[in-house]
């Protein structure tokens, strides 16, 4: 069975859908091979197991927090869904809805991963990795079971911050993504993916 077409997944919720649509357009517009990959938007309202935990307590950074689906970043657990959505085959990239392509994503989708399961930008300090942009070899991520692992946060056996910062992955399985593939509020000639992290100055909100 052949692998599915390489896919970019943009994960979002209704609050960030406009950004996700702009992001989707940017990946097609800035690629020399727009038909060589798919771009899919995955949104929180399509995953009932997210909705089911509304108002319940989960473990985050060692403390109990309340899960709110209306939170601006309630989509973040969906970062781990692409391997399952791909049938654990082929290549995928996942990005936040405020990440826009200014370079050709095929450069990332076709790179030599050197046997690594995923690539992410290192953050340093306690956060370790930024999972807001990841390149994934889905064949090597069969242990990612998002609904089950999401529920573990509410059972107190999985900490959200450990999960989202990739601390639970073997270090040898993670390749280092160059900053230009997840450029935080920084646009230079080298930037390939621009990440607008400052919520109140995101262009679609300010009209910039």
N, C-alpha and C. Protein backbone atom coordinates (compact mmCIF):
# COMPACT_ATOMS: atom_id res chain seq x y z
N UNK A 1 0.84 -1.19 0.00
CA UNK A 1 0.00 0.00 0.00
C UNK A 1 0.88 1.25 0.00
N UNK A 2 0.63 2.18 -0.90
CA UNK A 2 1.46 3.37 -0.99
C UNK A 2 1.10 4.34 0.13
N UNK A 3 2.06 5.19 0.48
CA UNK A 3 1.84 6.19 1.52
C UNK A 3 0.87 7.25 1.03
N UNK A 4 0.10 7.84 1.93
CA UNK A 4 -0.77 8.95 1.53
C UNK A 4 0.05 10.16 1.11
N UNK A 5 -0.58 11.07 0.41
CA UNK A 5 0.09 12.30 -0.01
C UNK A 5 0.58 13.07 1.22
N UNK A 6 1.80 13.61 1.19
CA UNK A 6 2.24 14.43 2.32
C UNK A 6 1.21 15.51 2.63
N UNK A 7 0.98 15.75 3.91
CA UNK A 7 -0.11 16.63 4.32
C UNK A 7 0.34 17.64 5.36
N UNK A 8 -0.11 18.88 5.17
CA UNK A 8 0.03 19.92 6.19
C UNK A 8 -1.29 19.98 6.95
N UNK A 9 -1.22 19.83 8.26
CA UNK A 9 -2.39 19.94 9.12
C UNK A 9 -2.33 21.26 9.88
N UNK A 10 -3.39 22.04 9.77
CA UNK A 10 -3.51 23.28 10.53
C UNK A 10 -4.57 23.02 11.60
N UNK A 11 -4.16 23.03 12.85
CA UNK A 11 -5.11 22.73 13.92
C UNK A 11 -5.60 24.03 14.53
N UNK A 12 -6.91 24.07 14.82
CA UNK A 12 -7.52 25.34 15.22
C UNK A 12 -8.78 25.09 16.04
N UNK A 13 -9.41 26.18 16.45
CA UNK A 13 -10.75 26.17 17.03
C UNK A 13 -11.54 27.28 16.35
N UNK A 14 -12.83 27.41 16.61
CA UNK A 14 -13.61 28.43 15.90
C UNK A 14 -13.07 29.84 16.05
N UNK A 15 -12.48 30.16 17.21
CA UNK A 15 -11.94 31.51 17.42
C UNK A 15 -10.80 31.85 16.48
N UNK A 16 -10.05 30.83 16.06
CA UNK A 16 -8.86 31.05 15.23
C UNK A 16 -9.07 30.58 13.80
N UNK A 17 -10.31 30.34 13.38
CA UNK A 17 -10.57 29.78 12.06
C UNK A 17 -10.14 30.72 10.94
N UNK A 18 -10.31 32.03 11.11
CA UNK A 18 -9.89 32.95 10.06
C UNK A 18 -8.39 32.83 9.82
N UNK A 19 -7.62 32.79 10.90
CA UNK A 19 -6.18 32.60 10.76
C UNK A 19 -5.85 31.30 10.06
N UNK A 20 -6.58 30.23 10.40
CA UNK A 20 -6.33 28.92 9.78
C UNK A 20 -6.57 28.97 8.28
N UNK A 21 -7.61 29.67 7.85
CA UNK A 21 -7.91 29.77 6.42
C UNK A 21 -6.83 30.57 5.68
N UNK A 22 -6.35 31.64 6.31
CA UNK A 22 -5.25 32.41 5.71
C UNK A 22 -4.00 31.54 5.63
N UNK A 23 -3.75 30.79 6.69
CA UNK A 23 -2.60 29.89 6.71
C UNK A 23 -2.69 28.87 5.58
N UNK A 24 -3.87 28.26 5.43
CA UNK A 24 -4.08 27.27 4.37
C UNK A 24 -3.76 27.86 3.00
N UNK A 25 -4.23 29.07 2.74
CA UNK A 25 -3.97 29.75 1.48
C UNK A 25 -2.47 29.98 1.28
N UNK A 26 -1.77 30.36 2.36
CA UNK A 26 -0.35 30.70 2.25
C UNK A 26 0.49 29.50 1.83
N UNK A 27 0.13 28.30 2.29
CA UNK A 27 0.92 27.10 1.94
C UNK A 27 0.81 26.80 0.45
N UNK A 28 -0.37 26.96 -0.10
CA UNK A 28 -0.55 26.73 -1.53
C UNK A 28 0.12 27.83 -2.36
N UNK A 29 -0.09 29.06 -1.94
CA UNK A 29 0.41 30.21 -2.71
C UNK A 29 1.92 30.22 -2.83
N UNK A 30 2.61 29.75 -1.78
CA UNK A 30 4.06 29.91 -1.73
C UNK A 30 4.82 28.62 -2.03
N UNK A 31 4.15 27.65 -2.64
CA UNK A 31 4.84 26.42 -3.03
C UNK A 31 4.93 26.32 -4.55
N UNK A 32 6.06 25.83 -5.02
CA UNK A 32 6.23 25.60 -6.46
C UNK A 32 5.53 24.32 -6.90
N UNK A 33 5.10 23.50 -5.91
CA UNK A 33 4.42 22.24 -6.21
C UNK A 33 3.15 22.12 -5.38
N UNK A 34 2.18 23.01 -5.55
CA UNK A 34 1.01 23.00 -4.67
C UNK A 34 0.15 21.75 -4.77
N UNK A 35 0.31 20.98 -5.84
CA UNK A 35 -0.48 19.76 -5.98
C UNK A 35 0.23 18.54 -5.40
N UNK A 36 1.46 18.74 -4.90
CA UNK A 36 2.24 17.61 -4.39
C UNK A 36 1.91 17.27 -2.93
N UNK A 37 1.13 18.13 -2.28
CA UNK A 37 0.79 17.90 -0.88
C UNK A 37 -0.65 18.35 -0.63
N UNK A 38 -1.22 17.86 0.45
CA UNK A 38 -2.56 18.27 0.88
C UNK A 38 -2.45 19.23 2.05
N UNK A 39 -3.48 20.06 2.21
CA UNK A 39 -3.56 20.94 3.38
C UNK A 39 -4.93 20.74 4.02
N UNK A 40 -4.93 20.32 5.27
CA UNK A 40 -6.20 20.05 5.97
C UNK A 40 -6.29 20.87 7.24
N UNK A 41 -7.46 21.42 7.49
CA UNK A 41 -7.75 22.12 8.74
C UNK A 41 -8.48 21.15 9.67
N UNK A 42 -7.96 20.98 10.86
CA UNK A 42 -8.62 20.16 11.88
C UNK A 42 -9.01 21.07 13.03
N UNK A 43 -10.29 21.03 13.41
CA UNK A 43 -10.82 21.97 14.39
C UNK A 43 -11.42 21.25 15.58
N UNK A 44 -11.40 21.92 16.70
CA UNK A 44 -11.80 21.31 17.97
C UNK A 44 -13.23 20.77 17.95
N UNK A 45 -14.14 21.43 17.24
CA UNK A 45 -15.53 20.98 17.28
C UNK A 45 -15.73 19.63 16.58
N UNK A 46 -14.70 19.17 15.86
CA UNK A 46 -14.79 17.87 15.19
C UNK A 46 -14.31 16.72 16.06
N UNK A 47 -13.93 17.01 17.31
CA UNK A 47 -13.39 15.99 18.20
C UNK A 47 -14.21 15.99 19.50
N UNK A 48 -15.25 15.14 19.57
CA UNK A 48 -16.15 15.15 20.73
C UNK A 48 -15.44 14.92 22.06
N UNK A 49 -14.32 14.20 22.04
CA UNK A 49 -13.63 13.94 23.30
C UNK A 49 -13.03 15.21 23.91
N UNK A 50 -12.80 16.23 23.10
CA UNK A 50 -12.39 17.52 23.66
C UNK A 50 -13.57 18.19 24.37
N UNK A 51 -14.70 18.19 23.68
CA UNK A 51 -15.90 18.82 24.24
C UNK A 51 -16.34 18.14 25.53
N UNK A 52 -16.12 16.84 25.61
CA UNK A 52 -16.61 16.06 26.76
C UNK A 52 -15.95 16.45 28.08
N UNK A 53 -14.79 17.10 28.00
CA UNK A 53 -14.06 17.43 29.23
C UNK A 53 -14.29 18.86 29.70
N UNK A 54 -15.22 19.57 29.08
CA UNK A 54 -15.50 20.96 29.45
C UNK A 54 -15.70 21.11 30.96
N UNK A 55 -14.93 22.04 31.54
CA UNK A 55 -15.07 22.36 32.96
C UNK A 55 -14.39 21.39 33.91
N UNK A 56 -13.79 20.33 33.40
CA UNK A 56 -13.14 19.35 34.27
C UNK A 56 -11.68 19.76 34.54
N UNK A 57 -11.12 19.22 35.61
CA UNK A 57 -9.76 19.57 36.02
C UNK A 57 -8.75 18.65 35.37
N UNK A 58 -7.64 19.27 34.92
CA UNK A 58 -6.56 18.50 34.31
C UNK A 58 -5.23 18.99 34.88
N UNK A 59 -4.19 18.19 34.65
CA UNK A 59 -2.87 18.47 35.20
C UNK A 59 -2.05 19.31 34.22
N UNK A 60 -1.62 20.49 34.68
CA UNK A 60 -0.81 21.37 33.84
C UNK A 60 0.27 22.00 34.69
N UNK A 61 1.52 21.68 34.36
CA UNK A 61 2.67 22.22 35.08
C UNK A 61 2.58 21.94 36.58
N UNK A 62 2.11 20.73 36.90
CA UNK A 62 2.05 20.29 38.28
C UNK A 62 0.83 20.77 39.06
N UNK A 63 -0.03 21.58 38.41
CA UNK A 63 -1.21 22.12 39.08
C UNK A 63 -2.48 21.66 38.38
N UNK A 64 -3.58 21.74 39.08
CA UNK A 64 -4.88 21.42 38.49
C UNK A 64 -5.47 22.67 37.85
N UNK A 65 -5.88 22.56 36.60
CA UNK A 65 -6.51 23.67 35.86
C UNK A 65 -7.86 23.20 35.32
N UNK A 66 -8.69 24.16 34.95
CA UNK A 66 -10.00 23.84 34.39
C UNK A 66 -9.92 23.83 32.87
N UNK A 67 -10.39 22.77 32.25
CA UNK A 67 -10.39 22.69 30.79
C UNK A 67 -11.57 23.48 30.23
N UNK A 68 -11.27 24.44 29.35
CA UNK A 68 -12.30 25.27 28.74
C UNK A 68 -12.14 25.22 27.22
N UNK A 69 -13.12 24.70 26.54
CA UNK A 69 -13.05 24.61 25.09
C UNK A 69 -13.09 25.98 24.42
N UNK A 70 -13.54 27.00 25.16
CA UNK A 70 -13.60 28.36 24.63
C UNK A 70 -12.26 29.08 24.72
N UNK A 71 -11.28 28.45 25.37
CA UNK A 71 -9.95 29.06 25.48
C UNK A 71 -9.34 29.24 24.09
N UNK A 72 -8.58 30.32 23.91
CA UNK A 72 -8.02 30.64 22.59
C UNK A 72 -7.13 29.53 22.05
N UNK A 73 -6.49 28.76 22.96
CA UNK A 73 -5.57 27.71 22.52
C UNK A 73 -6.07 26.31 22.88
N UNK A 74 -7.36 26.12 22.90
CA UNK A 74 -7.91 24.79 23.22
C UNK A 74 -7.59 23.75 22.16
N UNK A 75 -7.07 24.20 21.02
CA UNK A 75 -6.75 23.27 19.93
C UNK A 75 -5.44 22.53 20.13
N UNK A 76 -4.61 22.93 21.09
CA UNK A 76 -3.24 22.41 21.15
C UNK A 76 -3.12 20.89 21.25
N UNK A 77 -4.02 20.16 21.93
CA UNK A 77 -3.89 18.69 21.91
C UNK A 77 -3.98 18.09 20.52
N UNK A 78 -4.60 18.82 19.59
CA UNK A 78 -4.74 18.31 18.23
C UNK A 78 -3.41 18.26 17.48
N UNK A 79 -2.36 18.84 18.06
CA UNK A 79 -1.03 18.75 17.44
C UNK A 79 -0.60 17.29 17.27
N UNK A 80 -1.15 16.42 18.09
CA UNK A 80 -0.69 15.04 18.10
C UNK A 80 -1.59 14.10 17.27
N UNK A 81 -2.60 14.66 16.60
CA UNK A 81 -3.52 13.82 15.83
C UNK A 81 -3.05 13.44 14.42
N UNK A 82 -2.15 14.20 13.76
CA UNK A 82 -1.84 13.86 12.37
C UNK A 82 -1.38 12.43 12.11
N UNK A 83 -0.50 11.83 12.91
CA UNK A 83 -0.11 10.45 12.58
C UNK A 83 -1.32 9.50 12.50
N UNK A 84 -2.25 9.62 13.45
CA UNK A 84 -3.44 8.77 13.43
C UNK A 84 -4.31 9.10 12.23
N UNK A 85 -4.46 10.40 11.92
CA UNK A 85 -5.27 10.81 10.77
C UNK A 85 -4.67 10.33 9.45
N UNK A 86 -3.36 10.12 9.44
CA UNK A 86 -2.65 9.63 8.26
C UNK A 86 -2.57 8.11 8.22
N UNK A 87 -3.19 7.44 9.19
CA UNK A 87 -3.10 5.98 9.26
C UNK A 87 -1.71 5.51 9.62
N UNK A 88 -0.97 6.37 10.32
CA UNK A 88 0.41 6.08 10.74
C UNK A 88 1.30 5.74 9.54
N UNK A 89 1.11 6.49 8.46
CA UNK A 89 1.94 6.31 7.27
C UNK A 89 2.25 7.67 6.66
N UNK A 90 3.46 7.80 6.11
CA UNK A 90 3.81 8.97 5.34
C UNK A 90 4.29 10.15 6.18
N UNK A 91 4.44 11.29 5.51
CA UNK A 91 4.96 12.51 6.10
C UNK A 91 3.83 13.50 6.37
N UNK A 92 3.95 14.22 7.47
CA UNK A 92 3.00 15.28 7.78
C UNK A 92 3.72 16.42 8.49
N UNK A 93 3.17 17.61 8.33
CA UNK A 93 3.58 18.78 9.09
C UNK A 93 2.34 19.29 9.80
N UNK A 94 2.48 19.67 11.07
CA UNK A 94 1.38 20.30 11.79
C UNK A 94 1.81 21.70 12.20
N UNK A 95 0.88 22.66 12.07
CA UNK A 95 1.18 24.04 12.44
C UNK A 95 0.00 24.64 13.19
N UNK A 96 0.29 25.63 14.03
CA UNK A 96 -0.75 26.43 14.66
C UNK A 96 -1.47 27.26 13.60
N UNK A 97 -2.67 27.76 13.91
CA UNK A 97 -3.42 28.53 12.92
C UNK A 97 -2.85 29.93 12.67
N UNK A 98 -1.88 30.35 13.48
CA UNK A 98 -1.25 31.65 13.27
C UNK A 98 0.16 31.50 12.68
N UNK A 99 0.37 30.40 11.96
CA UNK A 99 1.63 30.14 11.25
C UNK A 99 1.38 30.26 9.76
N UNK A 100 2.18 31.07 9.08
CA UNK A 100 1.97 31.33 7.66
C UNK A 100 3.23 31.02 6.86
N UNK A 101 3.04 30.36 5.73
CA UNK A 101 4.17 30.02 4.86
C UNK A 101 4.61 31.24 4.07
N UNK A 102 5.90 31.53 4.16
CA UNK A 102 6.49 32.52 3.26
C UNK A 102 7.56 31.84 2.38
N UNK A 103 7.81 30.56 2.67
CA UNK A 103 8.68 29.73 1.85
C UNK A 103 7.90 28.52 1.37
N UNK A 104 8.60 27.62 0.70
CA UNK A 104 7.98 26.44 0.10
C UNK A 104 8.00 25.28 1.09
N UNK A 105 6.83 24.85 1.53
CA UNK A 105 6.73 23.78 2.53
C UNK A 105 7.25 22.45 2.01
N UNK A 106 7.33 22.29 0.69
CA UNK A 106 7.87 21.03 0.15
C UNK A 106 9.33 20.83 0.54
N UNK A 107 10.04 21.91 0.80
CA UNK A 107 11.43 21.78 1.26
C UNK A 107 11.48 21.04 2.60
N UNK A 108 10.47 21.27 3.43
CA UNK A 108 10.42 20.60 4.72
C UNK A 108 9.84 19.19 4.59
N UNK A 109 8.78 19.04 3.82
CA UNK A 109 8.12 17.74 3.69
C UNK A 109 9.01 16.69 3.04
N UNK A 110 9.99 17.13 2.26
CA UNK A 110 10.85 16.18 1.54
C UNK A 110 12.26 16.09 2.13
N UNK A 111 12.50 16.72 3.25
CA UNK A 111 13.87 16.70 3.79
C UNK A 111 14.25 15.31 4.30
N UNK A 112 15.54 15.05 4.33
CA UNK A 112 16.06 13.82 4.90
C UNK A 112 15.94 13.91 6.42
N UNK A 113 15.12 13.05 7.00
CA UNK A 113 14.91 13.10 8.45
C UNK A 113 15.94 12.28 9.22
N UNK A 114 16.82 11.58 8.51
CA UNK A 114 17.90 10.87 9.17
C UNK A 114 17.45 9.86 10.20
N UNK A 115 16.29 9.26 9.99
CA UNK A 115 15.79 8.25 10.92
C UNK A 115 15.05 8.81 12.12
N UNK A 116 14.94 10.14 12.23
CA UNK A 116 14.21 10.75 13.34
C UNK A 116 12.70 10.57 13.14
N UNK A 117 11.96 10.54 14.25
CA UNK A 117 10.51 10.41 14.18
C UNK A 117 9.86 11.76 13.92
N UNK A 118 10.47 12.83 14.42
CA UNK A 118 9.90 14.16 14.23
C UNK A 118 10.99 15.21 14.36
N UNK A 119 10.67 16.40 13.84
CA UNK A 119 11.53 17.57 13.97
C UNK A 119 10.71 18.68 14.62
N UNK A 120 11.34 19.41 15.55
CA UNK A 120 10.70 20.56 16.19
C UNK A 120 11.78 21.56 16.58
N UNK A 121 11.38 22.80 16.73
CA UNK A 121 12.33 23.85 17.11
C UNK A 121 12.64 23.78 18.60
N UNK A 122 13.92 23.71 18.97
CA UNK A 122 14.26 23.73 20.39
C UNK A 122 13.97 25.10 21.00
N UNK A 123 13.51 25.11 22.26
CA UNK A 123 13.19 26.36 22.95
C UNK A 123 14.18 26.67 24.06
N UNK A 124 14.81 25.65 24.59
CA UNK A 124 15.68 25.88 25.74
C UNK A 124 14.86 26.01 27.01
N UNK A 125 15.54 25.94 28.14
CA UNK A 125 14.84 26.07 29.42
C UNK A 125 13.89 24.93 29.66
N UNK A 126 12.86 25.17 30.46
CA UNK A 126 11.95 24.11 30.86
C UNK A 126 11.01 23.69 29.73
N UNK A 127 10.83 24.55 28.71
CA UNK A 127 9.89 24.22 27.64
C UNK A 127 10.47 23.26 26.61
N UNK A 128 11.79 23.22 26.51
CA UNK A 128 12.52 22.27 25.66
C UNK A 128 12.24 22.41 24.17
N UNK A 129 11.02 22.08 23.72
CA UNK A 129 10.71 22.14 22.29
C UNK A 129 9.40 22.89 22.06
N UNK A 130 9.33 23.58 20.92
CA UNK A 130 8.08 24.20 20.47
C UNK A 130 7.38 23.22 19.54
N UNK A 131 6.24 22.71 19.98
CA UNK A 131 5.50 21.74 19.16
C UNK A 131 4.50 22.42 18.24
N UNK A 132 4.54 23.75 18.16
CA UNK A 132 3.61 24.51 17.33
C UNK A 132 3.85 24.30 15.84
N UNK A 133 5.05 23.86 15.48
CA UNK A 133 5.36 23.39 14.12
C UNK A 133 6.15 22.10 14.28
N UNK A 134 5.66 21.03 13.69
CA UNK A 134 6.39 19.76 13.73
C UNK A 134 6.35 19.08 12.36
N UNK A 135 7.48 18.51 11.98
CA UNK A 135 7.56 17.60 10.84
C UNK A 135 7.54 16.19 11.41
N UNK A 136 6.69 15.33 10.86
CA UNK A 136 6.49 14.00 11.45
C UNK A 136 6.64 12.89 10.43
N UNK A 137 7.38 11.86 10.79
CA UNK A 137 7.36 10.60 10.07
C UNK A 137 6.32 9.74 10.77
N UNK A 138 5.13 9.69 10.20
CA UNK A 138 3.99 9.09 10.89
C UNK A 138 4.19 7.60 11.19
N UNK A 139 4.98 6.93 10.38
CA UNK A 139 5.26 5.50 10.61
C UNK A 139 5.95 5.27 11.95
N UNK A 140 6.68 6.29 12.43
CA UNK A 140 7.46 6.15 13.66
C UNK A 140 6.74 6.70 14.88
N UNK A 141 5.46 7.08 14.72
CA UNK A 141 4.74 7.70 15.83
C UNK A 141 3.45 6.93 16.15
N UNK A 142 3.54 5.63 16.07
CA UNK A 142 2.35 4.80 16.33
C UNK A 142 1.93 4.82 17.80
N UNK A 143 2.80 5.33 18.68
CA UNK A 143 2.44 5.43 20.10
C UNK A 143 1.64 6.70 20.39
N UNK A 144 1.44 7.56 19.39
CA UNK A 144 0.64 8.76 19.60
C UNK A 144 -0.84 8.40 19.46
N UNK A 145 -1.53 8.36 20.57
CA UNK A 145 -2.97 8.06 20.63
C UNK A 145 -3.62 9.23 21.36
N UNK A 146 -4.03 10.23 20.60
CA UNK A 146 -4.33 11.53 21.18
C UNK A 146 -5.48 11.52 22.17
N UNK A 147 -6.57 10.87 21.82
CA UNK A 147 -7.72 10.86 22.74
C UNK A 147 -7.33 10.21 24.07
N UNK A 148 -6.68 9.07 23.99
CA UNK A 148 -6.27 8.37 25.22
C UNK A 148 -5.32 9.24 26.04
N UNK A 149 -4.35 9.86 25.38
CA UNK A 149 -3.35 10.64 26.09
C UNK A 149 -3.93 11.95 26.62
N UNK A 150 -4.89 12.52 25.91
CA UNK A 150 -5.62 13.69 26.41
C UNK A 150 -6.34 13.33 27.71
N UNK A 151 -7.01 12.18 27.71
CA UNK A 151 -7.76 11.76 28.90
C UNK A 151 -6.84 11.51 30.10
N UNK A 152 -5.59 11.12 29.82
CA UNK A 152 -4.64 10.89 30.91
C UNK A 152 -4.35 12.17 31.71
N UNK A 153 -4.50 13.33 31.09
CA UNK A 153 -4.30 14.60 31.81
C UNK A 153 -5.34 14.76 32.91
N UNK A 154 -6.54 14.26 32.66
CA UNK A 154 -7.63 14.39 33.63
C UNK A 154 -7.58 13.31 34.70
N UNK A 155 -6.84 12.24 34.39
CA UNK A 155 -6.61 11.19 35.38
C UNK A 155 -5.39 11.52 36.25
N UNK A 156 -4.66 12.58 35.90
CA UNK A 156 -3.49 13.00 36.66
C UNK A 156 -2.23 12.23 36.35
N UNK A 157 -2.24 11.43 35.26
CA UNK A 157 -1.08 10.62 34.92
C UNK A 157 -0.24 11.22 33.79
N UNK A 158 -0.69 12.34 33.22
CA UNK A 158 0.06 13.01 32.15
C UNK A 158 -0.07 14.52 32.37
N UNK A 159 1.08 15.19 32.39
CA UNK A 159 1.09 16.63 32.56
C UNK A 159 1.06 17.31 31.19
N UNK A 160 0.12 18.23 31.03
CA UNK A 160 -0.03 18.94 29.75
C UNK A 160 1.30 19.53 29.27
N UNK A 161 2.05 20.18 30.17
CA UNK A 161 3.29 20.85 29.75
C UNK A 161 4.35 19.85 29.31
N UNK A 162 4.44 18.72 29.98
CA UNK A 162 5.38 17.68 29.55
C UNK A 162 5.01 17.17 28.16
N UNK A 163 3.73 17.01 27.93
CA UNK A 163 3.23 16.51 26.64
C UNK A 163 3.49 17.52 25.53
N UNK A 164 3.08 18.77 25.75
CA UNK A 164 3.12 19.77 24.69
C UNK A 164 4.55 20.19 24.37
N UNK A 165 5.46 20.06 25.33
CA UNK A 165 6.86 20.43 25.12
C UNK A 165 7.71 19.25 24.69
N UNK A 166 7.05 18.12 24.39
CA UNK A 166 7.70 16.92 23.86
C UNK A 166 8.67 16.28 24.84
N UNK A 167 8.47 16.53 26.15
CA UNK A 167 9.37 15.94 27.14
C UNK A 167 9.16 14.44 27.29
N UNK A 168 8.02 13.93 26.81
CA UNK A 168 7.72 12.51 26.95
C UNK A 168 8.22 11.68 25.78
N UNK A 169 8.83 12.36 24.79
CA UNK A 169 9.40 11.66 23.64
C UNK A 169 10.87 11.35 23.86
N UNK A 170 11.37 10.23 23.35
CA UNK A 170 12.82 9.96 23.45
C UNK A 170 13.61 11.06 22.75
N UNK A 171 14.59 11.60 23.43
CA UNK A 171 15.36 12.72 22.86
C UNK A 171 16.01 12.34 21.54
N UNK A 172 16.42 11.09 21.42
CA UNK A 172 17.10 10.68 20.19
C UNK A 172 16.15 10.59 19.01
N UNK A 173 14.85 10.65 19.25
CA UNK A 173 13.86 10.57 18.18
C UNK A 173 13.51 11.93 17.58
N UNK A 174 14.02 13.02 18.22
CA UNK A 174 13.64 14.37 17.81
C UNK A 174 14.79 15.06 17.10
N UNK A 175 14.55 15.49 15.86
CA UNK A 175 15.52 16.30 15.14
C UNK A 175 15.28 17.77 15.42
N UNK A 176 16.32 18.58 15.24
CA UNK A 176 16.23 20.00 15.56
C UNK A 176 15.83 20.80 14.33
N UNK A 177 14.69 21.45 14.44
CA UNK A 177 14.17 22.28 13.36
C UNK A 177 14.81 23.66 13.44
N UNK A 178 15.28 24.15 12.30
CA UNK A 178 15.91 25.46 12.27
C UNK A 178 14.88 26.55 12.62
N UNK A 179 15.31 27.65 13.26
CA UNK A 179 14.37 28.70 13.68
C UNK A 179 13.52 29.24 12.55
N UNK A 180 14.06 29.27 11.32
CA UNK A 180 13.28 29.86 10.22
C UNK A 180 12.04 29.05 9.85
N UNK A 181 11.96 27.80 10.34
CA UNK A 181 10.76 27.00 10.08
C UNK A 181 9.71 27.17 11.18
N UNK A 182 9.99 27.98 12.17
CA UNK A 182 9.01 28.37 13.19
C UNK A 182 9.50 29.69 13.76
N UNK A 183 9.42 30.73 12.94
CA UNK A 183 10.03 32.02 13.25
C UNK A 183 9.04 32.86 14.05
N UNK A 184 9.32 33.02 15.34
CA UNK A 184 8.40 33.69 16.24
C UNK A 184 8.41 35.21 16.02
N UNK A 185 7.37 35.74 15.40
CA UNK A 185 7.21 37.19 15.22
C UNK A 185 8.45 37.83 14.60
N UNK A 186 9.05 37.12 13.67
CA UNK A 186 10.30 37.57 13.09
C UNK A 186 10.29 37.22 11.61
N UNK A 187 10.35 38.23 10.75
CA UNK A 187 10.31 38.02 9.31
C UNK A 187 11.60 38.55 8.69
N UNK A 188 12.40 37.63 8.18
CA UNK A 188 13.66 37.97 7.52
C UNK A 188 13.70 37.24 6.17
N UNK A 189 14.69 37.52 5.33
CA UNK A 189 14.79 36.77 4.07
C UNK A 189 14.93 35.26 4.26
N UNK A 190 15.39 34.84 5.44
CA UNK A 190 15.56 33.40 5.70
C UNK A 190 14.29 32.73 6.18
N UNK A 191 13.30 33.50 6.65
CA UNK A 191 12.09 32.93 7.23
C UNK A 191 11.35 32.07 6.22
N UNK A 192 10.96 30.87 6.68
CA UNK A 192 10.17 29.97 5.84
C UNK A 192 8.74 29.87 6.34
N UNK A 193 8.57 29.77 7.66
CA UNK A 193 7.24 29.79 8.27
C UNK A 193 7.23 30.87 9.35
N UNK A 194 6.36 31.86 9.19
CA UNK A 194 6.24 32.97 10.14
C UNK A 194 5.16 32.63 11.16
N UNK A 195 5.52 32.69 12.45
CA UNK A 195 4.59 32.36 13.53
C UNK A 195 4.25 33.64 14.27
N UNK A 196 2.98 34.09 14.11
CA UNK A 196 2.50 35.30 14.79
C UNK A 196 2.02 34.95 16.19
N UNK A 197 2.92 34.97 17.15
CA UNK A 197 2.59 34.48 18.49
C UNK A 197 1.90 35.53 19.35
N UNK A 198 2.08 36.82 19.04
CA UNK A 198 1.50 37.88 19.87
C UNK A 198 0.02 38.04 19.52
N UNK A 199 -0.84 37.56 20.40
CA UNK A 199 -2.26 37.40 20.09
C UNK A 199 -2.94 38.70 19.66
N UNK A 200 -2.57 39.81 20.30
CA UNK A 200 -3.34 41.04 20.07
C UNK A 200 -2.83 41.83 18.88
N UNK A 201 -1.73 41.41 18.28
CA UNK A 201 -1.25 42.10 17.07
C UNK A 201 -1.23 41.17 15.87
N UNK A 202 -1.99 40.08 15.94
CA UNK A 202 -2.09 39.22 14.77
C UNK A 202 -2.79 40.00 13.65
N UNK A 203 -2.24 39.96 12.43
CA UNK A 203 -2.69 40.88 11.38
C UNK A 203 -4.17 40.87 11.10
N UNK A 204 -4.83 39.69 11.19
CA UNK A 204 -6.25 39.66 10.87
C UNK A 204 -7.10 40.31 11.96
N UNK A 205 -6.50 40.59 13.12
CA UNK A 205 -7.23 41.28 14.18
C UNK A 205 -7.02 42.79 14.12
N UNK A 206 -5.85 43.22 13.66
CA UNK A 206 -5.52 44.64 13.70
C UNK A 206 -5.69 45.34 12.37
N UNK A 207 -5.83 44.58 11.29
CA UNK A 207 -5.94 45.17 9.97
C UNK A 207 -4.62 45.67 9.42
N UNK A 208 -3.52 45.22 10.02
CA UNK A 208 -2.21 45.66 9.54
C UNK A 208 -1.90 45.11 8.17
